[in-house]
C-alpha atoms as a PDB file:
ATOM      1  CA  MET A   1      11.136 -15.677 -84.409  1.00  0.00           C
ATOM      2  CA  PRO A   2      10.045 -12.374 -82.870  1.00  0.00           C
ATOM      3  CA  THR A   3      11.209  -9.277 -84.670  1.00  0.00           C
ATOM      4  CA  ALA A   4      12.607  -6.218 -82.940  1.00  0.00           C
ATOM      5  CA  ARG A   5       9.563  -4.243 -84.043  1.00  0.00           C
ATOM      6  CA  LYS A   6       7.171  -6.741 -82.429  1.00  0.00           C
ATOM      7  CA  GLU A   7       9.245  -6.853 -79.235  1.00  0.00           C
ATOM      8  CA  THR A   8       9.144  -3.053 -79.061  1.00  0.00           C
ATOM      9  CA  SER A   9       5.389  -3.107 -79.637  1.00  0.00           C
ATOM     10  CA  VAL A  10       4.868  -5.694 -76.869  1.00  0.00           C
ATOM     11  CA  ALA A  11       7.045  -3.693 -74.447  1.00  0.00           C
ATOM     12  CA  GLU A  12       5.089  -0.522 -75.206  1.00  0.00           C
ATOM     13  CA  LEU A  13       1.755  -2.309 -74.795  1.00  0.00           C
ATOM     14  CA  LYS A  14       2.966  -3.825 -71.520  1.00  0.00           C
ATOM     15  CA  LYS A  15       3.615  -0.320 -70.148  1.00  0.00           C
ATOM     16  CA  LEU A  16       0.154   0.809 -71.261  1.00  0.00           C
ATOM     17  CA  VAL A  17      -1.543  -2.195 -69.631  1.00  0.00           C
ATOM     18  CA  GLU A  18       0.368  -1.684 -66.365  1.00  0.00           C
ATOM     19  CA  LYS A  19      -0.528   2.013 -66.283  1.00  0.00           C
ATOM     20  CA  ALA A  20      -4.191   1.635 -67.320  1.00  0.00           C
ATOM     21  CA  SER A  21      -7.047   1.576 -64.819  1.00  0.00           C
ATOM     22  CA  ILE A  22      -9.479   0.395 -67.512  1.00  0.00           C
ATOM     23  CA  VAL A  23      -8.915  -1.392 -70.829  1.00  0.00           C
ATOM     24  CA  ILE A  24     -11.767  -1.460 -73.324  1.00  0.00           C
ATOM     25  CA  GLY A  25     -11.826  -3.732 -76.355  1.00  0.00           C
ATOM     26  CA  ALA A  26     -14.072  -2.210 -79.014  1.00  0.00           C
ATOM     27  CA  GLU A  27     -15.520  -3.224 -82.360  1.00  0.00           C
ATOM     28  CA  TYR A  28     -14.609  -0.732 -85.050  1.00  0.00           C
ATOM     29  CA  ARG A  29     -15.586  -2.602 -88.218  1.00  0.00           C
ATOM     30  CA  GLY A  30     -17.807  -0.522 -90.444  1.00  0.00           C
ATOM     31  CA  LEU A  31     -16.158   2.768 -89.505  1.00  0.00           C
ATOM     32  CA  THR A  32     -14.536   4.863 -92.197  1.00  0.00           C
ATOM     33  CA  VAL A  33     -11.020   6.213 -91.788  1.00  0.00           C
ATOM     34  CA  LYS A  34     -12.518   9.657 -91.188  1.00  0.00           C
ATOM     35  CA  GLU A  35     -14.728   8.294 -88.388  1.00  0.00           C
ATOM     36  CA  VAL A  36     -11.837   6.399 -86.772  1.00  0.00           C
ATOM     37  CA  THR A  37      -9.716   9.568 -86.903  1.00  0.00           C
ATOM     38  CA  ALA A  38     -12.522  11.591 -85.290  1.00  0.00           C
ATOM     39  CA  LEU A  39     -12.923   8.892 -82.628  1.00  0.00           C
ATOM     40  CA  ARG A  40      -9.210   8.867 -81.847  1.00  0.00           C
ATOM     41  CA  ARG A  41      -9.183  12.665 -81.612  1.00  0.00           C
ATOM     42  CA  SER A  42     -12.169  12.808 -79.247  1.00  0.00           C
ATOM     43  CA  LEU A  43     -10.714  10.066 -77.041  1.00  0.00           C
ATOM     44  CA  ARG A  44      -7.274  11.703 -76.996  1.00  0.00           C
ATOM     45  CA  GLU A  45      -8.898  14.945 -75.788  1.00  0.00           C
ATOM     46  CA  ALA A  46     -10.384  12.950 -72.894  1.00  0.00           C
ATOM     47  CA  GLY A  47      -6.899  11.691 -71.906  1.00  0.00           C
ATOM     48  CA  VAL A  48      -7.447   8.220 -73.333  1.00  0.00           C
ATOM     49  CA  GLU A  49      -5.072   6.255 -75.577  1.00  0.00           C
ATOM     50  CA  VAL A  50      -6.295   4.177 -78.506  1.00  0.00           C
ATOM     51  CA  ARG A  51      -4.375   1.385 -80.228  1.00  0.00           C
ATOM     52  CA  VAL A  52      -5.107  -1.157 -82.925  1.00  0.00           C
ATOM     53  CA  VAL A  53      -2.601  -4.009 -82.664  1.00  0.00           C
ATOM     54  CA  LYS A  54      -2.459  -7.695 -83.372  1.00  0.00           C
ATOM     55  CA  ASN A  55      -4.383  -9.662 -80.771  1.00  0.00           C
ATOM     56  CA  ARG A  56      -1.483 -12.000 -80.051  1.00  0.00           C
ATOM     57  CA  LEU A  57       0.857  -9.075 -79.319  1.00  0.00           C
ATOM     58  CA  PHE A  58      -1.645  -7.576 -76.886  1.00  0.00           C
ATOM     59  CA  GLN A  59      -2.160 -10.932 -75.173  1.00  0.00           C
ATOM     60  CA  LEU A  60       1.618 -11.316 -74.763  1.00  0.00           C
ATOM     61  CA  ALA A  61       1.887  -7.800 -73.345  1.00  0.00           C
ATOM     62  CA  ALA A  62      -0.952  -8.449 -70.882  1.00  0.00           C
ATOM     63  CA  LYS A  63       0.681 -11.691 -69.774  1.00  0.00           C
ATOM     64  CA  GLN A  64       4.052  -9.958 -69.296  1.00  0.00           C
ATOM     65  CA  ALA A  65       2.329  -7.176 -67.335  1.00  0.00           C
ATOM     66  CA  GLY A  66       1.007  -9.791 -64.913  1.00  0.00           C
ATOM     67  CA  VAL A  67      -2.639  -9.443 -65.937  1.00  0.00           C
ATOM     68  CA  PRO A  68      -3.267 -12.273 -68.407  1.00  0.00           C
ATOM     69  CA  ASP A  69      -7.041 -11.803 -68.093  1.00  0.00           C
ATOM     70  CA  ALA A  70      -6.696  -8.428 -69.821  1.00  0.00           C
ATOM     71  CA  GLY A  71      -5.773 -10.331 -72.971  1.00  0.00           C
ATOM     72  CA  GLN A  72      -9.376 -11.542 -73.176  1.00  0.00           C
ATOM     73  CA  VAL A  73     -10.662  -8.124 -74.281  1.00  0.00           C
ATOM     74  CA  VAL A  74      -9.302  -8.697 -77.791  1.00  0.00           C
ATOM     75  CA  GLU A  75     -11.307 -10.930 -80.058  1.00  0.00           C
ATOM     76  CA  GLY A  76     -11.329 -10.439 -83.808  1.00  0.00           C
ATOM     77  CA  PRO A  77     -10.548  -6.958 -85.146  1.00  0.00           C
ATOM     78  CA  THR A  78     -10.394  -4.914 -81.966  1.00  0.00           C
ATOM     79  CA  MET A  79      -9.518  -1.340 -81.105  1.00  0.00           C
ATOM     80  CA  ILE A  80      -8.017  -1.173 -77.616  1.00  0.00           C
ATOM     81  CA  VAL A  81      -8.833   1.856 -75.467  1.00  0.00           C
ATOM     82  CA  PHE A  82      -6.628   2.535 -72.422  1.00  0.00           C
ATOM     83  CA  GLY A  83      -7.981   4.770 -69.660  1.00  0.00           C
ATOM     84  CA  TYR A  84      -5.866   6.105 -66.809  1.00  0.00           C
ATOM     85  CA  GLY A  85      -7.021   7.260 -63.379  1.00  0.00           C
ATOM     86  CA  ASP A  86     -10.740   7.934 -63.584  1.00  0.00           C
ATOM     87  CA  ILE A  87     -12.537   4.920 -65.103  1.00  0.00           C
ATOM     88  CA  VAL A  88     -15.605   6.987 -65.961  1.00  0.00           C
ATOM     89  CA  ALA A  89     -13.835   9.453 -68.297  1.00  0.00           C
ATOM     90  CA  PRO A  90     -13.077   6.965 -71.111  1.00  0.00           C
ATOM     91  CA  SER A  91     -16.601   5.574 -70.891  1.00  0.00           C
ATOM     92  CA  LYS A  92     -18.099   9.069 -71.120  1.00  0.00           C
ATOM     93  CA  ALA A  93     -15.846   9.914 -74.079  1.00  0.00           C
ATOM     94  CA  ILE A  94     -16.914   6.758 -75.925  1.00  0.00           C
ATOM     95  CA  ALA A  95     -20.601   7.315 -75.124  1.00  0.00           C
ATOM     96  CA  ASP A  96     -20.392  10.952 -76.268  1.00  0.00           C
ATOM     97  CA  TYR A  97     -18.746   9.914 -79.523  1.00  0.00           C
ATOM     98  CA  VAL A  98     -21.335   7.186 -80.197  1.00  0.00           C
ATOM     99  CA  ARG A  99     -24.178   9.604 -79.401  1.00  0.00           C
ATOM    100  CA  THR A 100     -22.885  12.329 -81.737  1.00  0.00           C
ATOM    101  CA  ALA A 101     -21.542  10.132 -84.556  1.00  0.00           C
ATOM    102  CA  ARG A 102     -24.346   7.549 -84.570  1.00  0.00           C
ATOM    103  CA  ASN A 103     -22.201   4.792 -86.043  1.00  0.00           C
ATOM    104  CA  ALA A 104     -21.312   1.141 -85.483  1.00  0.00           C
ATOM    105  CA  PHE A 105     -18.627   1.650 -82.819  1.00  0.00           C
ATOM    106  CA  ALA A 106     -19.317  -0.549 -79.780  1.00  0.00           C
ATOM    107  CA  ALA A 107     -17.398  -1.835 -76.766  1.00  0.00           C
ATOM    108  CA  LYS A 108     -17.086  -5.642 -76.764  1.00  0.00           C
ATOM    109  CA  LYS A 109     -15.271  -6.418 -73.513  1.00  0.00           C
ATOM    110  CA  VAL A 110     -13.819  -4.386 -70.671  1.00  0.00           C
ATOM    111  CA  TYR A 111     -10.973  -5.211 -68.282  1.00  0.00           C
ATOM    112  CA  LEU A 112     -11.658  -3.471 -64.997  1.00  0.00           C
ATOM    113  CA  ASP A 113     -10.353  -4.185 -61.478  1.00  0.00           C
ATOM    114  CA  GLY A 114      -8.921  -7.560 -62.436  1.00  0.00           C
ATOM    115  CA  ASN A 115     -12.077  -8.782 -64.164  1.00  0.00           C
ATOM    116  CA  VAL A 116     -13.199  -9.019 -67.764  1.00  0.00           C
ATOM    117  CA  VAL A 117     -16.801  -7.844 -68.099  1.00  0.00           C
ATOM    118  CA  ALA A 118     -19.236  -7.271 -70.963  1.00  0.00           C
ATOM    119  CA  GLY A 119     -18.882  -4.123 -73.046  1.00  0.00           C
ATOM    120  CA  SER A 120     -22.348  -2.981 -71.978  1.00  0.00           C
ATOM    121  CA  ILE A 121     -20.787  -1.735 -68.738  1.00  0.00           C
ATOM    122  CA  VAL A 122     -19.339   1.206 -70.708  1.00  0.00           C
ATOM    123  CA  ALA A 123     -22.827   2.730 -71.057  1.00  0.00           C
ATOM    124  CA  GLU A 124     -23.451   2.206 -67.339  1.00  0.00           C
ATOM    125  CA  LEU A 125     -20.118   3.805 -66.397  1.00  0.00           C
ATOM    126  CA  ALA A 126     -20.843   6.732 -68.724  1.00  0.00           C
ATOM    127  CA  SER A 127     -24.005   7.500 -66.758  1.00  0.00           C
ATOM    128  CA  LEU A 128     -22.030   7.877 -63.510  1.00  0.00           C
ATOM    129  CA  PRO A 129     -20.600  11.222 -62.407  1.00  0.00           C
ATOM    130  CA  THR A 130     -16.858  11.714 -62.872  1.00  0.00           C
ATOM    131  CA  ARG A 131     -14.434  11.623 -59.961  1.00  0.00           C
ATOM    132  CA  GLU A 132     -14.304  15.432 -59.812  1.00  0.00           C
ATOM    133  CA  GLN A 133     -18.106  15.665 -59.788  1.00  0.00           C
ATOM    134  CA  LEU A 134     -18.303  13.108 -56.968  1.00  0.00           C
ATOM    135  CA  ILE A 135     -15.743  15.036 -54.924  1.00  0.00           C
ATOM    136  CA  GLY A 136     -17.778  18.220 -55.466  1.00  0.00           C
ATOM    137  CA  GLN A 137     -20.982  16.485 -54.403  1.00  0.00           C
ATOM    138  CA  LEU A 138     -19.280  15.065 -51.320  1.00  0.00           C
ATOM    139  CA  ALA A 139     -17.843  18.463 -50.393  1.00  0.00           C
ATOM    140  CA  GLY A 140     -21.293  20.005 -50.828  1.00  0.00           C
ATOM    141  CA  ALA A 141     -22.824  17.329 -48.629  1.00  0.00           C
ATOM    142  CA  PHE A 142     -20.271  18.071 -45.897  1.00  0.00           C
ATOM    143  CA  MET A 143     -20.604  21.843 -46.233  1.00  0.00           C
ATOM    144  CA  SER A 144     -24.403  22.015 -46.132  1.00  0.00           C
ATOM    145  CA  PRO A 145     -24.860  21.106 -42.424  1.00  0.00           C
ATOM    146  CA  LEU A 146     -21.914  23.296 -41.453  1.00  0.00           C
ATOM    147  CA  GLN A 147     -23.315  26.247 -43.408  1.00  0.00           C
ATOM    148  CA  THR A 148     -26.718  25.757 -41.774  1.00  0.00           C
ATOM    149  CA  PHE A 149     -25.096  25.674 -38.326  1.00  0.00           C
ATOM    150  CA  VAL A 150     -23.093  28.843 -39.011  1.00  0.00           C
ATOM    151  CA  ASN A 151     -26.205  30.629 -40.328  1.00  0.00           C
ATOM    152  CA  GLN A 152     -28.195  29.690 -37.207  1.00  0.00           C
ATOM    153  CA  ILE A 153     -25.451  30.966 -34.913  1.00  0.00           C
ATOM    154  CA  ASN A 154     -25.198  34.154 -36.968  1.00  0.00           C
ATOM    155  CA  ASP A 155     -28.989  34.678 -36.822  1.00  0.00           C
ATOM    156  CA  SER A 156     -28.961  34.148 -33.047  1.00  0.00           C
ATOM    157  CA  MET A 157     -26.141  36.666 -32.638  1.00  0.00           C
ATOM    158  CA  GLN A 158     -27.963  39.231 -34.790  1.00  0.00           C
ATOM    159  CA  SER A 159     -31.190  38.720 -32.839  1.00  0.00           C
ATOM    160  CA  PHE A 160     -29.326  39.172 -29.560  1.00  0.00           C
ATOM    161  CA  ALA A 161     -27.614  42.319 -30.881  1.00  0.00           C
ATOM    162  CA  ARG A 162     -30.989  43.787 -31.962  1.00  0.00           C
ATOM    163  CA  LEU A 163     -32.447  42.934 -28.538  1.00  0.00           C
ATOM    164  CA  VAL A 164     -29.584  44.663 -26.711  1.00  0.00           C
ATOM    165  CA  ASP A 165     -29.861  47.679 -29.041  1.00  0.00           C
ATOM    166  CA  ALA A 166     -33.624  47.922 -28.473  1.00  0.00           C
ATOM    167  CA  ARG A 167     -33.150  47.681 -24.688  1.00  0.00           C
ATOM    168  CA  ALA A 168     -30.458  50.380 -24.804  1.00  0.00           C
ATOM    169  CA  LYS A 169     -32.799  52.704 -26.743  1.00  0.00           C
ATOM    170  CA  GLN A 170     -35.600  51.927 -24.288  1.00  0.00           C
ATOM    171  CA  LEU A 171     -33.365  52.844 -21.333  1.00  0.00           C
ATOM    172  CA  GLU A 172     -32.254  56.066 -23.071  1.00  0.00           C
ATOM    173  CA  GLU A 173     -35.854  57.125 -23.632  1.00  0.00           C
ATOM    174  CA  ALA A 174     -36.739  56.383 -20.021  1.00  0.00           C
ATOM    175  CA  ALA A 175     -33.840  58.471 -18.720  1.00  0.00           C
END
Protein backbone atom coordinates (compact mmCIF):
# COMPACT_ATOMS: atom_id res chain seq x y z
CA MET A 1 0.00 0.00 0.00
CA PRO A 2 1.60 3.29 -1.05
CA THR A 3 1.87 5.90 1.65
CA ALA A 4 1.05 9.56 1.15
CA ARG A 5 4.71 10.42 1.64
CA LYS A 6 5.80 8.04 -1.14
CA GLU A 7 3.07 9.32 -3.47
CA THR A 8 4.23 12.88 -2.84
CA SER A 9 7.82 11.85 -3.49
CA VAL A 10 6.87 10.13 -6.78
CA ALA A 11 4.85 13.18 -7.90
CA GLU A 12 7.78 15.48 -7.13
CA LEU A 13 10.24 13.21 -8.93
CA LYS A 14 7.87 13.02 -11.91
CA LYS A 15 7.96 16.82 -12.22
CA LEU A 16 11.76 16.80 -12.03
CA VAL A 17 12.06 14.10 -14.72
CA GLU A 18 9.64 15.95 -17.03
CA LYS A 19 11.53 19.22 -16.59
CA ALA A 20 15.06 17.77 -16.85
CA SER A 21 17.08 17.82 -20.07
CA ILE A 22 19.64 15.41 -18.60
CA VAL A 23 19.40 12.90 -15.74
CA ILE A 24 22.63 11.49 -14.34
CA GLY A 25 22.76 8.48 -12.04
CA ALA A 26 25.93 8.63 -9.96
CA GLU A 27 27.79 6.40 -7.53
CA TYR A 28 28.33 8.13 -4.22
CA ARG A 29 29.46 5.25 -2.00
CA GLY A 30 32.67 6.06 -0.19
CA LEU A 31 31.87 9.76 0.17
CA THR A 32 31.64 11.28 3.62
CA VAL A 33 28.69 13.42 4.63
CA LYS A 34 30.93 16.48 4.35
CA GLU A 35 31.89 15.54 0.78
CA VAL A 36 28.27 14.88 -0.22
CA THR A 37 27.27 18.25 1.25
CA ALA A 38 30.06 20.00 -0.68
CA LEU A 39 28.99 18.17 -3.86
CA ARG A 40 25.36 19.18 -3.42
CA ARG A 41 26.39 22.79 -2.81
CA SER A 42 28.62 22.97 -5.90
CA LEU A 43 25.93 21.37 -8.08
CA ARG A 44 23.22 23.66 -6.69
CA GLU A 45 25.37 26.68 -7.62
CA ALA A 46 25.46 25.34 -11.19
CA GLY A 47 21.63 25.21 -11.28
CA VAL A 48 21.47 21.44 -10.89
CA GLU A 49 19.24 19.48 -8.49
CA VAL A 50 20.48 16.42 -6.62
CA ARG A 51 18.31 13.74 -5.03
CA VAL A 52 18.90 10.42 -3.31
CA VAL A 53 15.69 8.39 -3.38
CA LYS A 54 14.65 4.78 -3.48
CA ASN A 55 15.22 3.28 -6.91
CA ARG A 56 11.68 1.95 -7.18
CA LEU A 57 10.19 5.40 -6.49
CA PHE A 58 12.35 6.96 -9.20
CA GLN A 59 11.43 4.22 -11.67
CA LEU A 60 7.72 4.80 -10.95
CA ALA A 61 8.15 8.55 -11.42
CA ALA A 62 9.99 8.04 -14.73
CA LYS A 63 7.26 5.70 -15.94
CA GLN A 64 4.53 8.19 -14.96
CA ALA A 65 6.46 10.98 -16.71
CA GLY A 66 6.33 8.96 -19.93
CA VAL A 67 10.05 8.19 -20.04
CA PRO A 68 10.41 4.70 -18.57
CA ASP A 69 13.96 4.41 -19.94
CA ALA A 70 15.05 7.12 -17.50
CA GLY A 71 14.41 4.63 -14.71
CA GLN A 72 17.43 2.66 -15.91
CA VAL A 73 19.89 5.24 -14.55
CA VAL A 74 19.32 3.98 -11.00
CA GLU A 75 21.08 0.80 -10.01
CA GLY A 76 22.16 0.16 -6.45
CA PRO A 77 22.78 3.19 -4.21
CA THR A 78 22.46 6.05 -6.66
CA MET A 79 22.48 9.82 -6.41
CA ILE A 80 20.29 11.32 -9.13
CA VAL A 81 21.41 14.59 -10.72
CA PHE A 82 18.82 16.59 -12.70
CA GLY A 83 20.05 19.18 -15.20
CA TYR A 84 17.79 21.72 -16.88
CA GLY A 85 18.36 23.54 -20.17
CA ASP A 86 22.05 23.30 -21.00
CA ILE A 87 23.20 19.66 -20.80
CA VAL A 88 26.85 20.67 -20.52
CA ALA A 89 26.50 22.67 -17.27
CA PRO A 90 25.76 19.69 -14.97
CA SER A 91 28.56 17.70 -16.58
CA LYS A 92 31.02 20.56 -16.08
CA ALA A 93 29.91 20.98 -12.46
CA ILE A 94 30.42 17.26 -11.76
CA ALA A 95 33.80 17.21 -13.54
CA ASP A 96 34.95 20.31 -11.63
CA TYR A 97 33.92 18.76 -8.33
CA VAL A 98 35.68 15.46 -9.10
CA ARG A 99 38.82 17.32 -10.20
CA THR A 100 38.99 19.46 -7.05
CA ALA A 101 37.80 16.89 -4.50
CA ARG A 102 39.64 13.87 -5.92
CA ASN A 103 37.21 11.34 -4.48
CA ALA A 104 35.18 8.29 -5.51
CA PHE A 105 32.20 10.13 -7.03
CA ALA A 106 31.45 8.81 -10.53
CA ALA A 107 28.56 8.91 -13.00
CA LYS A 108 27.16 5.43 -13.72
CA LYS A 109 24.46 6.05 -16.33
CA VAL A 110 23.02 9.09 -18.07
CA TYR A 111 19.57 9.63 -19.56
CA LEU A 112 19.91 12.06 -22.44
CA ASP A 113 17.63 12.71 -25.44
CA GLY A 114 15.55 9.60 -24.84
CA ASN A 115 18.54 7.27 -24.49
CA VAL A 116 20.38 5.75 -21.56
CA VAL A 117 24.14 5.97 -22.12
CA ALA A 118 27.26 5.14 -20.11
CA GLY A 119 28.36 7.54 -17.39
CA SER A 120 31.64 8.16 -19.22
CA ILE A 121 29.77 10.60 -21.46
CA VAL A 122 29.77 13.08 -18.55
CA ALA A 123 33.53 13.64 -18.99
CA GLU A 124 33.04 14.10 -22.73
CA LEU A 125 30.20 16.59 -22.22
CA ALA A 126 32.29 18.48 -19.66
CA SER A 127 34.96 19.08 -22.30
CA LEU A 128 32.45 20.81 -24.60
CA PRO A 129 31.84 24.56 -24.45
CA THR A 130 28.64 25.70 -22.75
CA ARG A 131 25.66 26.99 -24.70
CA GLU A 132 26.61 30.61 -23.98
CA GLN A 133 30.19 30.00 -25.14
CA LEU A 134 28.94 28.40 -28.36
CA ILE A 135 26.64 31.35 -29.03
CA GLY A 136 29.58 33.71 -28.48
CA GLN A 137 31.78 31.71 -30.84
CA LEU A 138 29.04 31.66 -33.47
CA ALA A 139 28.47 35.40 -33.14
CA GLY A 140 32.22 35.96 -33.48
CA ALA A 141 32.32 33.78 -36.57
CA PHE A 142 29.51 35.82 -38.14
CA MET A 143 31.00 39.16 -37.12
CA SER A 144 34.54 38.53 -38.36
CA PRO A 145 33.79 38.66 -42.13
CA LEU A 146 31.47 41.62 -41.64
CA GLN A 147 34.10 43.50 -39.63
CA THR A 148 36.71 42.78 -42.31
CA PHE A 149 34.34 44.06 -45.01
CA VAL A 150 33.59 47.25 -43.06
CA ASN A 151 37.31 47.85 -42.43
CA GLN A 152 38.11 47.45 -46.14
CA ILE A 153 35.39 49.90 -47.13
CA ASN A 154 36.59 52.33 -44.46
CA ASP A 155 40.21 52.04 -45.67
CA SER A 156 39.11 52.65 -49.27
CA MET A 157 37.14 55.73 -48.22
CA GLN A 158 40.10 57.09 -46.25
CA SER A 159 42.45 56.48 -49.17
CA PHE A 160 40.06 58.26 -51.52
CA ALA A 161 39.72 61.18 -49.08
CA ARG A 162 43.53 61.50 -48.82
CA LEU A 163 43.80 61.39 -52.63
CA VAL A 164 41.21 64.15 -53.05
CA ASP A 165 42.92 66.22 -50.33
CA ALA A 166 46.33 65.80 -51.98
CA ARG A 167 44.90 66.78 -55.38
CA ALA A 168 43.22 69.84 -53.85
CA LYS A 169 46.54 70.93 -52.29
CA GLN A 170 48.30 70.32 -55.60
CA LEU A 171 45.79 72.52 -57.44
CA GLU A 172 46.13 75.25 -54.79
CA GLU A 173 49.90 75.29 -55.16
CA ALA A 174 49.62 75.46 -58.94
CA ALA A 175 47.23 78.42 -58.79
